[in-house]
C-alpha atoms as a PDB file:
ATOM      1  CA  MET A   1      18.422 160.585   6.843  1.00  0.00           C
ATOM      2  CA  LYS A   2      18.582 159.433   3.214  1.00  0.00           C
ATOM      3  CA  ASN A   3      21.912 157.754   3.896  1.00  0.00           C
ATOM      4  CA  ILE A   4      20.417 155.778   6.740  1.00  0.00           C
ATOM      5  CA  LEU A   5      17.523 154.539   4.573  1.00  0.00           C
ATOM      6  CA  HIS A   6      19.950 153.248   1.966  1.00  0.00           C
ATOM      7  CA  LYS A   7      21.706 150.964   4.428  1.00  0.00           C
ATOM      8  CA  PRO A   8      20.801 147.242   3.819  1.00  0.00           C
ATOM      9  CA  ILE A   9      20.057 146.513   7.451  1.00  0.00           C
ATOM     10  CA  VAL A  10      17.662 149.432   7.680  1.00  0.00           C
ATOM     11  CA  LYS A  11      15.862 148.333   4.497  1.00  0.00           C
ATOM     12  CA  LYS A  12      15.411 144.811   5.893  1.00  0.00           C
ATOM     13  CA  LEU A  13      14.047 146.131   9.174  1.00  0.00           C
ATOM     14  CA  LEU A  14      11.653 148.428   7.358  1.00  0.00           C
ATOM     15  CA  ILE A  15      10.354 145.616   5.129  1.00  0.00           C
ATOM     16  CA  ALA A  16       9.923 143.337   8.144  1.00  0.00           C
ATOM     17  CA  PHE A  17       7.979 146.076   9.945  1.00  0.00           C
ATOM     18  CA  ILE A  18       5.643 146.565   6.979  1.00  0.00           C
ATOM     19  CA  ILE A  19       5.003 142.808   6.731  1.00  0.00           C
ATOM     20  CA  PHE A  20       4.267 142.671  10.447  1.00  0.00           C
ATOM     21  CA  VAL A  21       1.756 145.528  10.185  1.00  0.00           C
ATOM     22  CA  VAL A  22       0.009 143.847   7.239  1.00  0.00           C
ATOM     23  CA  PHE A  23      -0.144 140.588   9.213  1.00  0.00           C
ATOM     24  CA  LEU A  24      -1.757 142.339  12.180  1.00  0.00           C
ATOM     25  CA  VAL A  25      -4.319 144.012   9.947  1.00  0.00           C
ATOM     26  CA  LEU A  26      -5.233 140.700   8.297  1.00  0.00           C
ATOM     27  CA  MET A  27      -5.526 138.936  11.637  1.00  0.00           C
ATOM     28  CA  ASN A  28      -7.628 141.730  13.133  1.00  0.00           C
ATOM     29  CA  ASP A  29      -9.893 142.458  10.169  1.00  0.00           C
ATOM     30  CA  VAL A  30     -10.131 139.093   8.370  1.00  0.00           C
ATOM     31  CA  VAL A  31      -8.994 136.010  10.278  1.00  0.00           C
ATOM     32  CA  MET A  32     -10.321 136.760  13.750  1.00  0.00           C
ATOM     33  CA  PRO A  33     -13.772 137.986  12.602  1.00  0.00           C
ATOM     34  CA  TRP A  34     -14.117 134.852  10.458  1.00  0.00           C
ATOM     35  CA  TYR A  35     -13.056 132.567  13.310  1.00  0.00           C
ATOM     36  CA  VAL A  36     -15.278 134.242  15.887  1.00  0.00           C
ATOM     37  CA  SER A  37     -18.289 134.188  13.595  1.00  0.00           C
ATOM     38  CA  SER A  38     -17.844 130.570  12.373  1.00  0.00           C
ATOM     39  CA  PRO A  39     -20.464 128.139  13.718  1.00  0.00           C
ATOM     40  CA  GLU A  40     -19.806 126.061  16.826  1.00  0.00           C
ATOM     41  CA  LEU A  41     -20.897 122.459  17.198  1.00  0.00           C
ATOM     42  CA  LYS A  42     -20.766 119.528  19.604  1.00  0.00           C
ATOM     43  CA  VAL A  43     -18.206 116.827  18.773  1.00  0.00           C
ATOM     44  CA  PRO A  44     -19.993 113.542  17.981  1.00  0.00           C
ATOM     45  CA  SER A  45     -18.790 110.300  19.550  1.00  0.00           C
ATOM     46  CA  VAL A  46     -17.061 107.886  17.162  1.00  0.00           C
ATOM     47  CA  ILE A  47     -15.590 105.592  19.816  1.00  0.00           C
ATOM     48  CA  GLY A  48     -16.354 101.961  18.958  1.00  0.00           C
ATOM     49  CA  MET A  49     -16.959 102.740  15.271  1.00  0.00           C
ATOM     50  CA  ASN A  50     -14.785 101.280  12.539  1.00  0.00           C
ATOM     51  CA  GLU A  51     -12.423 103.667  10.792  1.00  0.00           C
ATOM     52  CA  ALA A  52     -14.580 104.256   7.693  1.00  0.00           C
ATOM     53  CA  ASN A  53     -17.744 105.069   9.658  1.00  0.00           C
ATOM     54  CA  ALA A  54     -15.851 107.311  12.079  1.00  0.00           C
ATOM     55  CA  LEU A  55     -14.302 109.351   9.263  1.00  0.00           C
ATOM     56  CA  LYS A  56     -17.662 109.739   7.535  1.00  0.00           C
ATOM     57  CA  THR A  57     -19.429 110.781  10.762  1.00  0.00           C
ATOM     58  CA  LEU A  58     -16.891 113.508  11.492  1.00  0.00           C
ATOM     59  CA  LYS A  59     -16.731 114.775   7.913  1.00  0.00           C
ATOM     60  CA  ASP A  60     -20.539 114.955   7.763  1.00  0.00           C
ATOM     61  CA  ALA A  61     -20.344 117.115  10.904  1.00  0.00           C
ATOM     62  CA  ASN A  62     -17.941 119.520   9.106  1.00  0.00           C
ATOM     63  CA  LEU A  63     -15.010 118.399  11.201  1.00  0.00           C
ATOM     64  CA  TYR A  64     -11.571 117.262  10.033  1.00  0.00           C
ATOM     65  CA  PRO A  65     -10.646 113.734  11.274  1.00  0.00           C
ATOM     66  CA  VAL A  66      -6.982 112.803  11.632  1.00  0.00           C
ATOM     67  CA  ILE A  67      -5.754 109.244  12.299  1.00  0.00           C
ATOM     68  CA  SER A  68      -3.212 109.762  15.053  1.00  0.00           C
ATOM     69  CA  ASP A  69      -1.988 106.326  16.161  1.00  0.00           C
ATOM     70  CA  THR A  70      -2.767 102.616  16.480  1.00  0.00           C
ATOM     71  CA  THR A  71      -2.827 101.085  19.965  1.00  0.00           C
ATOM     72  CA  PHE A  72      -3.315  97.453  20.999  1.00  0.00           C
ATOM     73  CA  ASP A  73      -6.454  97.116  23.115  1.00  0.00           C
ATOM     74  CA  GLU A  74      -8.167  93.761  23.692  1.00  0.00           C
ATOM     75  CA  GLN A  75     -11.426  95.504  24.722  1.00  0.00           C
ATOM     76  CA  TYR A  76     -11.988  96.868  21.218  1.00  0.00           C
ATOM     77  CA  PRO A  77     -11.962  94.885  17.950  1.00  0.00           C
ATOM     78  CA  LYS A  78      -9.126  95.596  15.556  1.00  0.00           C
ATOM     79  CA  GLY A  79      -9.774  98.657  13.388  1.00  0.00           C
ATOM     80  CA  THR A  80     -12.243 100.390  15.725  1.00  0.00           C
ATOM     81  CA  ILE A  81     -11.798 103.803  17.347  1.00  0.00           C
ATOM     82  CA  ILE A  82     -10.790 103.593  21.013  1.00  0.00           C
ATOM     83  CA  TYR A  83     -10.072 107.272  21.794  1.00  0.00           C
ATOM     84  CA  GLN A  84     -10.698 110.707  20.294  1.00  0.00           C
ATOM     85  CA  THR A  85      -9.585 114.236  21.092  1.00  0.00           C
ATOM     86  CA  PRO A  86     -11.307 116.659  21.451  1.00  0.00           C
ATOM     87  CA  SER A  87     -13.567 114.276  23.300  1.00  0.00           C
ATOM     88  CA  THR A  88     -17.247 113.585  22.931  1.00  0.00           C
ATOM     89  CA  SER A  89     -19.591 116.565  23.531  1.00  0.00           C
ATOM     90  CA  ASP A  90     -16.790 119.171  23.501  1.00  0.00           C
ATOM     91  CA  ILE A  91     -17.861 122.382  21.753  1.00  0.00           C
ATOM     92  CA  VAL A  92     -15.585 123.277  18.833  1.00  0.00           C
ATOM     93  CA  LYS A  93     -15.573 125.371  15.671  1.00  0.00           C
ATOM     94  CA  GLU A  94     -16.406 123.871  12.296  1.00  0.00           C
ATOM     95  CA  GLY A  95     -13.338 122.473  10.545  1.00  0.00           C
ATOM     96  CA  ARG A  96     -11.630 121.600  13.834  1.00  0.00           C
ATOM     97  CA  ARG A  97      -9.213 118.647  13.692  1.00  0.00           C
ATOM     98  CA  ILE A  98     -10.365 115.589  15.627  1.00  0.00           C
ATOM     99  CA  TYR A  99      -7.515 113.165  16.404  1.00  0.00           C
ATOM    100  CA  LEU A 100      -8.428 109.490  16.412  1.00  0.00           C
ATOM    101  CA  PHE A 101      -6.693 106.461  17.940  1.00  0.00           C
ATOM    102  CA  ILE A 102      -7.414 103.038  16.404  1.00  0.00           C
ATOM    103  CA  SER A 103      -7.357  99.643  18.113  1.00  0.00           C
ATOM    104  CA  GLY A 104      -4.796  97.155  16.855  1.00  0.00           C
ATOM    105  CA  GLY A 105      -6.733  94.336  18.528  1.00  0.00           C
ATOM    106  CA  GLU A 106      -5.299  92.010  21.127  1.00  0.00           C
ATOM    107  CA  PRO A 107      -1.568  92.443  21.708  1.00  0.00           C
ATOM    108  CA  VAL A 108       0.613  89.809  20.089  1.00  0.00           C
ATOM    109  CA  VAL A 109       4.216  88.798  20.712  1.00  0.00           C
ATOM    110  CA  SER A 110       6.678  86.652  18.778  1.00  0.00           C
ATOM    111  CA  VAL A 111       7.579  83.257  20.211  1.00  0.00           C
ATOM    112  CA  PRO A 112      11.242  83.234  21.269  1.00  0.00           C
ATOM    113  CA  GLY A 113      13.688  80.500  20.349  1.00  0.00           C
ATOM    114  CA  LEU A 114      13.724  77.929  23.138  1.00  0.00           C
ATOM    115  CA  LYS A 115      15.818  75.170  21.605  1.00  0.00           C
ATOM    116  CA  GLY A 116      19.018  74.567  23.519  1.00  0.00           C
ATOM    117  CA  LYS A 117      17.687  76.164  26.716  1.00  0.00           C
ATOM    118  CA  SER A 118      16.917  74.630  30.083  1.00  0.00           C
ATOM    119  CA  LEU A 119      13.326  74.632  31.370  1.00  0.00           C
ATOM    120  CA  ARG A 120      14.182  77.431  33.794  1.00  0.00           C
ATOM    121  CA  ASP A 121      15.648  79.658  31.075  1.00  0.00           C
ATOM    122  CA  ALA A 122      12.744  78.908  28.719  1.00  0.00           C
ATOM    123  CA  LYS A 123      10.194  79.779  31.402  1.00  0.00           C
ATOM    124  CA  PHE A 124      11.936  83.094  32.031  1.00  0.00           C
ATOM    125  CA  ALA A 125      12.196  83.904  28.304  1.00  0.00           C
ATOM    126  CA  LEU A 126       8.471  83.239  27.802  1.00  0.00           C
ATOM    127  CA  GLU A 127       7.212  85.087  30.878  1.00  0.00           C
ATOM    128  CA  ARG A 128       9.284  88.133  29.971  1.00  0.00           C
ATOM    129  CA  LEU A 129       7.090  88.400  26.835  1.00  0.00           C
ATOM    130  CA  GLY A 130       3.801  87.632  28.592  1.00  0.00           C
ATOM    131  CA  LEU A 131       3.710  83.981  27.512  1.00  0.00           C
ATOM    132  CA  TYR A 132       3.776  80.826  29.616  1.00  0.00           C
ATOM    133  CA  LEU A 133       5.520  77.479  29.527  1.00  0.00           C
ATOM    134  CA  GLY A 134       2.956  74.879  28.487  1.00  0.00           C
ATOM    135  CA  ARG A 135       3.144  71.126  28.255  1.00  0.00           C
ATOM    136  CA  VAL A 136       6.606  69.608  28.745  1.00  0.00           C
ATOM    137  CA  ASP A 137       7.185  66.291  26.971  1.00  0.00           C
ATOM    138  CA  SER A 138      10.208  64.479  28.330  1.00  0.00           C
ATOM    139  CA  ILE A 139      11.511  62.427  25.409  1.00  0.00           C
ATOM    140  CA  ALA A 140      14.575  60.300  24.847  1.00  0.00           C
ATOM    141  CA  SER A 141      16.845  61.788  22.191  1.00  0.00           C
ATOM    142  CA  SER A 142      20.452  62.159  21.156  1.00  0.00           C
ATOM    143  CA  ASN A 143      20.456  65.699  22.637  1.00  0.00           C
ATOM    144  CA  PRO A 144      22.000  66.447  26.051  1.00  0.00           C
ATOM    145  CA  LYS A 145      19.833  65.542  29.041  1.00  0.00           C
ATOM    146  CA  ASP A 146      17.477  68.300  30.351  1.00  0.00           C
ATOM    147  CA  MET A 147      17.912  70.423  27.212  1.00  0.00           C
ATOM    148  CA  ILE A 148      14.939  71.625  25.144  1.00  0.00           C
ATOM    149  CA  PHE A 149      15.318  70.330  21.589  1.00  0.00           C
ATOM    150  CA  ASP A 150      11.871  71.078  20.129  1.00  0.00           C
ATOM    151  CA  GLN A 151       9.080  73.581  20.728  1.00  0.00           C
ATOM    152  CA  GLN A 152       5.368  73.624  19.932  1.00  0.00           C
ATOM    153  CA  TYR A 153       5.492  76.867  17.901  1.00  0.00           C
ATOM    154  CA  ALA A 154       8.409  77.890  15.718  1.00  0.00           C
ATOM    155  CA  GLU A 155      10.484  80.897  16.710  1.00  0.00           C
ATOM    156  CA  GLY A 156       8.821  84.097  15.495  1.00  0.00           C
ATOM    157  CA  THR A 157       5.269  82.708  15.501  1.00  0.00           C
ATOM    158  CA  PRO A 158       2.853  85.467  16.655  1.00  0.00           C
ATOM    159  CA  LEU A 159       0.804  84.560  19.740  1.00  0.00           C
ATOM    160  CA  LYS A 160      -1.524  86.478  22.016  1.00  0.00           C
ATOM    161  CA  LYS A 161      -0.185  87.409  25.432  1.00  0.00           C
ATOM    162  CA  GLY A 162      -1.204  84.775  27.948  1.00  0.00           C
ATOM    163  CA  ASP A 163      -0.823  81.880  25.504  1.00  0.00           C
ATOM    164  CA  SER A 164       1.408  78.936  26.377  1.00  0.00           C
ATOM    165  CA  VAL A 165       4.145  77.181  24.441  1.00  0.00           C
ATOM    166  CA  GLY A 166       4.883  73.491  24.915  1.00  0.00           C
ATOM    167  CA  VAL A 167       8.381  72.063  24.606  1.00  0.00           C
ATOM    168  CA  SER A 168      10.170  68.748  24.210  1.00  0.00           C
ATOM    169  CA  LEU A 169      12.795  68.107  26.882  1.00  0.00           C
ATOM    170  CA  SER A 170      15.553  65.608  26.255  1.00  0.00           C
ATOM    171  CA  LEU A 171      15.926  62.657  28.611  1.00  0.00           C
ATOM    172  CA  GLY A 172      19.120  61.658  26.895  1.00  0.00           C
ATOM    173  CA  GLU A 173      19.583  58.498  24.878  1.00  0.00           C
ATOM    174  CA  GLY A 174      18.295  55.006  25.547  1.00  0.00           C
ATOM    175  CA  ILE A 175      14.846  55.547  27.119  1.00  0.00           C
ATOM    176  CA  GLY A 176      12.283  55.784  24.302  1.00  0.00           C
ATOM    177  CA  THR A 177      12.043  52.745  22.002  1.00  0.00           C
ATOM    178  CA  ILE A 178       9.728  53.995  19.231  1.00  0.00           C
ATOM    179  CA  THR A 179      10.720  56.543  16.600  1.00  0.00           C
ATOM    180  CA  VAL A 180       7.951  59.078  15.912  1.00  0.00           C
ATOM    181  CA  PRO A 181       6.853  58.759  12.253  1.00  0.00           C
ATOM    182  CA  ASN A 182       6.373  61.684   9.875  1.00  0.00           C
ATOM    183  CA  LEU A 183       2.656  62.549   9.740  1.00  0.00           C
ATOM    184  CA  ILE A 184       2.746  65.933   7.979  1.00  0.00           C
ATOM    185  CA  GLY A 185       0.655  65.956   4.803  1.00  0.00           C
ATOM    186  CA  LYS A 186      -1.278  62.838   5.807  1.00  0.00           C
ATOM    187  CA  SER A 187      -5.014  62.811   6.407  1.00  0.00           C
ATOM    188  CA  LEU A 188      -6.173  62.557  10.009  1.00  0.00           C
ATOM    189  CA  SER A 189      -7.399  58.999   9.493  1.00  0.00           C
ATOM    190  CA  GLU A 190      -4.068  58.004   7.908  1.00  0.00           C
ATOM    191  CA  ALA A 191      -2.165  59.568  10.814  1.00  0.00           C
ATOM    192  CA  GLU A 192      -4.278  57.635  13.319  1.00  0.00           C
ATOM    193  CA  THR A 193      -3.551  54.380  11.504  1.00  0.00           C
ATOM    194  CA  ILE A 194       0.202  55.069  11.236  1.00  0.00           C
ATOM    195  CA  LEU A 195       0.433  55.888  14.938  1.00  0.00           C
ATOM    196  CA  ALA A 196      -1.574  52.834  15.929  1.00  0.00           C
ATOM    197  CA  ASP A 197       0.743  50.634  13.843  1.00  0.00           C
ATOM    198  CA  SER A 198       3.656  52.126  15.824  1.00  0.00           C
ATOM    199  CA  SER A 199       1.944  51.483  19.194  1.00  0.00           C
ATOM    200  CA  LEU A 200       1.373  55.225  19.568  1.00  0.00           C
ATOM    201  CA  LYS A 201      -1.848  57.259  19.653  1.00  0.00           C
ATOM    202  CA  VAL A 202      -3.213  60.663  18.648  1.00  0.00           C
ATOM    203  CA  GLY A 203      -3.105  63.233  21.417  1.00  0.00           C
ATOM    204  CA  LYS A 204      -4.583  66.728  21.236  1.00  0.00           C
ATOM    205  CA  ILE A 205      -5.888  67.809  17.830  1.00  0.00           C
ATOM    206  CA  ASN A 206      -5.468  71.534  17.131  1.00  0.00           C
ATOM    207  CA  TYR A 207      -7.649  72.662  14.226  1.00  0.00           C
ATOM    208  CA  GLN A 208      -6.417  75.520  12.031  1.00  0.00           C
ATOM    209  CA  LYS A 209      -7.865  77.181   8.937  1.00  0.00           C
ATOM    210  CA  SER A 210      -6.247  76.549   5.567  1.00  0.00           C
ATOM    211  CA  PHE A 211      -7.235  77.879   2.153  1.00  0.00           C
ATOM    212  CA  SER A 212      -4.951  75.580   0.187  1.00  0.00           C
ATOM    213  CA  LEU A 213      -5.299  72.133   1.787  1.00  0.00           C
ATOM    214  CA  LEU A 214      -8.206  69.735   2.168  1.00  0.00           C
ATOM    215  CA  PRO A 215      -9.912  69.534   5.575  1.00  0.00           C
ATOM    216  CA  ASN A 216      -8.403  67.056   8.076  1.00  0.00           C
ATOM    217  CA  THR A 217      -4.895  67.293   6.604  1.00  0.00           C
ATOM    218  CA  VAL A 218      -2.032  67.211   9.132  1.00  0.00           C
ATOM    219  CA  LEU A 219      -0.118  70.515   9.071  1.00  0.00           C
ATOM    220  CA  ASP A 220       2.300  69.821  11.928  1.00  0.00           C
ATOM    221  CA  GLN A 221       2.917  67.401  14.759  1.00  0.00           C
ATOM    222  CA  TYR A 222       4.304  67.483  18.266  1.00  0.00           C
ATOM    223  CA  PRO A 223       6.723  65.815  18.991  1.00  0.00           C
ATOM    224  CA  SER A 224       8.192  66.005  15.514  1.00  0.00           C
ATOM    225  CA  LYS A 225       9.357  63.031  13.482  1.00  0.00           C
ATOM    226  CA  GLY A 226      12.487  61.226  14.633  1.00  0.00           C
ATOM    227  CA  ASN A 227      11.922  61.735  18.359  1.00  0.00           C
ATOM    228  CA  LYS A 228      11.785  58.692  20.630  1.00  0.00           C
ATOM    229  CA  LEU A 229       8.641  57.706  22.530  1.00  0.00           C
ATOM    230  CA  ASN A 230       7.477  54.760  24.571  1.00  0.00           C
ATOM    231  CA  PRO A 231       4.544  52.484  23.600  1.00  0.00           C
ATOM    232  CA  GLY A 232       1.206  54.158  24.343  1.00  0.00           C
ATOM    233  CA  ASP A 233       2.602  57.713  24.195  1.00  0.00           C
ATOM    234  CA  SER A 234       0.648  60.304  22.198  1.00  0.00           C
ATOM    235  CA  VAL A 235       1.484  62.709  19.382  1.00  0.00           C
ATOM    236  CA  ASP A 236      -0.366  66.042  19.141  1.00  0.00           C
ATOM    237  CA  LEU A 237      -1.533  67.068  15.677  1.00  0.00           C
ATOM    238  CA  PHE A 238      -2.249  70.382  13.945  1.00  0.00           C
ATOM    239  CA  VAL A 239      -4.976  69.721  11.383  1.00  0.00           C
ATOM    240  CA  THR A 240      -6.855  71.784   8.767  1.00  0.00           C
ATOM    241  CA  LYS A 241     -10.482  72.301   9.695  1.00  0.00           C
ATOM    242  CA  ASN A 242     -13.959  72.665   8.264  1.00  0.00           C
ATOM    243  CA  GLU A 243     -15.873  75.836   9.112  1.00  0.00           C
ATOM    244  CA  ASP A 244     -18.013  73.963  11.648  1.00  0.00           C
ATOM    245  CA  GLN A 245     -15.060  72.463  13.532  1.00  0.00           C
ATOM    246  CA  GLY A 246     -13.722  74.041  16.707  1.00  0.00           C
ATOM    247  CA  ASN A 247     -10.196  75.287  17.334  1.00  0.00           C
ATOM    248  CA  ASN A 248      -9.150  72.469  19.625  1.00  0.00           C
ATOM    249  CA  LYS A 249     -10.475  68.948  19.850  1.00  0.00           C
ATOM    250  CA  PRO A 250      -8.935  66.446  22.289  1.00  0.00           C
ATOM    251  CA  ASN A 251      -8.699  62.894  21.047  1.00  0.00           C
ATOM    252  CA  LYS A 252     -10.739  60.364  22.977  1.00  0.00           C
ATOM    253  CA  GLY A 253      -7.575  58.631  24.047  1.00  0.00           C
ATOM    254  CA  TYR A 254      -5.793  61.817  25.146  1.00  0.00           C
END
C-alpha cells in the first residue's frame, strides 16, 4: 500500500481529488448560499439613452454594464443604445452583466473610383454599395468618348447609403468651346463674375461647414477646371456656409 502511495501518478490523482472535494464544499457552503440569497431586481431599460447615461443607470441599479458591439442603425442617433441583453424587465441577480449594443448612426460607404469607367460600369459599381448614379454632365474633353473622366466626390469620400454621385462623361474633342476656369478659393461673388465673363453661369450651390475658411468661399467645383463647356452651361459649386444657410441652394439660373 505504501509503495502505491509513493507513485507520482497516484500522488497527482490524490491531490486532484482533494482539490475537487474542497471545490464542492466551497460551492455548496459558500458560493451557492450567497448566490441564492443575493437580491433580485428588474433590469431597467436603457434603450435610446446615450452611452454615459446608460452606464450610470445600470451601475446605480447594482448591475454590471458591458459594451458589446457597435451597429449601424439609422433609427437611432449615433452613440445611443439600440439593444440590451438581458432585456428590459427581466429579473436578474445584483451584479449581473448587462450587454449593450451602441448605434453607429446611419450606415456610410466609401465612394468608389469611377474615372475611366463607362456609365454602365459606374452605375453597377455604385449600386453594389447602395449608392446611385446622379447627374451626368456630357462634356467635350481630350479623353476617349463615353468614358467618365471626373466625378462629383473623390474616391474614398464617405457618403450615406442612398446618396448619388454625379459624373462627367467625355464627348470626345471638339464640341465644347469654353474652358472651365479655376474657381477654388474664390468668393462666391468672384466665382459668379468669373463665370459670367466666360459666358458660363453658377449651377447648384452645395453649402458645407468649414472651420478654417470664411463663409461663401468656393471649396470645389463641378466640372473641374480645364473641362470644355458650351456658352450658357453651368458649373456647380461647393461653398463654405454660415450657420443659418442650408445644405443645398440652387442658383436662380440653374
